[in-house]
C-alpha cells in the first residue's frame, strides 16, 4: 500500500515538473497553460504538488540571490513562509 502511494506521488511530481518546464520554456504556448489548468483541476494533489514546486522555485531563487549578494528585502517581503517537511 505504501509503495503504491509512493508511485502515485512520483507520477504526480513527474507530471508537475513536466508541465512547469513546458510553461517556463514556452510561456507563449497557450496549450501548455490549458493542459496545466485541466490537470490541476483533476485532483487536489496535483494543485498541492504544483504549489509546493512553486515554493521550491521561489526558495531557490532567493538562495541564489543571497549567494551572489543581491539585496533581498523586496523579494522576501511578500513571500509566505516556506513549507517545512
Protein backbone atom coordinates (compact mmCIF):
# COMPACT_ATOMS: atom_id res chain seq x y z
CA UNK A 1 0.00 0.00 0.00
CA UNK A 2 2.76 2.43 0.93
CA UNK A 3 4.66 1.57 -2.26
CA UNK A 4 1.55 2.25 -4.34
CA UNK A 5 1.13 5.65 -2.68
CA UNK A 6 4.78 6.47 -3.39
CA UNK A 7 4.34 5.51 -7.04
CA UNK A 8 1.31 7.78 -7.35
CA UNK A 9 3.18 10.70 -5.79
CA UNK A 10 6.17 10.06 -8.04
CA UNK A 11 3.92 10.22 -11.11
CA UNK A 12 2.28 13.42 -9.83
CA UNK A 13 5.69 15.04 -9.29
CA UNK A 14 6.94 13.91 -12.71
CA UNK A 15 3.89 15.47 -14.38
CA UNK A 16 4.18 18.62 -12.25
CA UNK A 17 7.78 19.10 -13.33
CA UNK A 18 6.95 18.35 -16.96
CA UNK A 19 4.18 20.98 -17.07
CA UNK A 20 6.24 23.53 -15.15
CA UNK A 21 9.18 23.15 -17.52
CA UNK A 22 6.96 23.39 -20.60
CA UNK A 23 5.41 26.63 -19.36
CA UNK A 24 8.77 28.02 -18.28
CA UNK A 25 10.39 27.21 -21.64
CA UNK A 26 7.46 28.31 -23.85
CA UNK A 27 5.28 30.76 -21.90
CA UNK A 28 3.63 31.96 -25.13
CA UNK A 29 2.16 28.50 -25.83
CA UNK A 30 -1.42 28.59 -24.59
CA UNK A 31 -1.78 24.81 -25.00
CA UNK A 32 0.66 24.33 -22.12
CA UNK A 33 -1.45 26.55 -19.87
CA UNK A 34 -4.63 24.74 -20.92
CA UNK A 35 -3.00 21.40 -20.11
CA UNK A 36 -1.89 22.69 -16.74
CA UNK A 37 -5.32 24.06 -15.80
CA UNK A 38 -7.04 20.84 -16.85
CA UNK A 39 -4.53 18.73 -14.92
CA UNK A 40 -4.70 20.88 -11.78
CA UNK A 41 -8.49 20.54 -11.73
CA UNK A 42 -8.35 16.74 -11.89
CA UNK A 43 -7.12 16.19 -8.33
CA UNK A 44 -6.32 18.37 -5.30
CA UNK A 45 -2.99 16.50 -5.01
CA UNK A 46 -1.98 17.98 -8.38
CA UNK A 47 -2.52 21.52 -7.15
CA UNK A 48 -0.71 20.75 -3.91
CA UNK A 49 2.34 19.43 -5.80
CA UNK A 50 2.33 22.40 -8.17
CA UNK A 51 2.14 24.87 -5.27
CA UNK A 52 4.96 23.09 -3.49
CA UNK A 53 7.07 23.22 -6.64
CA UNK A 54 6.39 26.96 -6.81
CA UNK A 55 7.64 27.38 -3.25
CA UNK A 56 10.78 25.41 -4.12
CA UNK A 57 11.32 27.64 -7.17
CA UNK A 58 10.98 30.79 -5.04
CA UNK A 59 13.27 29.44 -2.32
CA UNK A 60 15.89 28.50 -4.90
CA UNK A 61 15.78 31.98 -6.42
CA UNK A 62 16.15 33.59 -3.01
CA UNK A 63 19.07 31.32 -2.12
CA UNK A 64 20.82 32.13 -5.40
CA UNK A 65 20.24 35.85 -4.89
CA UNK A 66 21.76 35.61 -1.41
CA UNK A 67 24.73 33.70 -2.82
CA UNK A 68 25.52 36.48 -5.30
CA UNK A 69 24.88 39.21 -2.73
CA UNK A 70 21.67 40.69 -4.11
CA UNK A 71 19.51 42.66 -1.65
CA UNK A 72 16.52 40.53 -0.74
CA UNK A 73 14.31 42.81 1.31
CA UNK A 74 11.95 43.49 -1.60
CA UNK A 75 11.97 39.88 -2.79
CA UNK A 76 11.27 38.35 0.61
CA UNK A 77 8.81 40.88 1.97
CA UNK A 78 5.63 39.43 0.43
CA UNK A 79 6.63 35.76 0.45
CA UNK A 80 4.73 33.29 2.62
CA UNK A 81 6.84 31.15 4.93
CA UNK A 82 8.36 28.15 3.21
CA UNK A 83 6.87 24.77 3.95
CA UNK A 84 8.97 22.61 6.21
CA UNK A 85 8.89 18.81 5.95
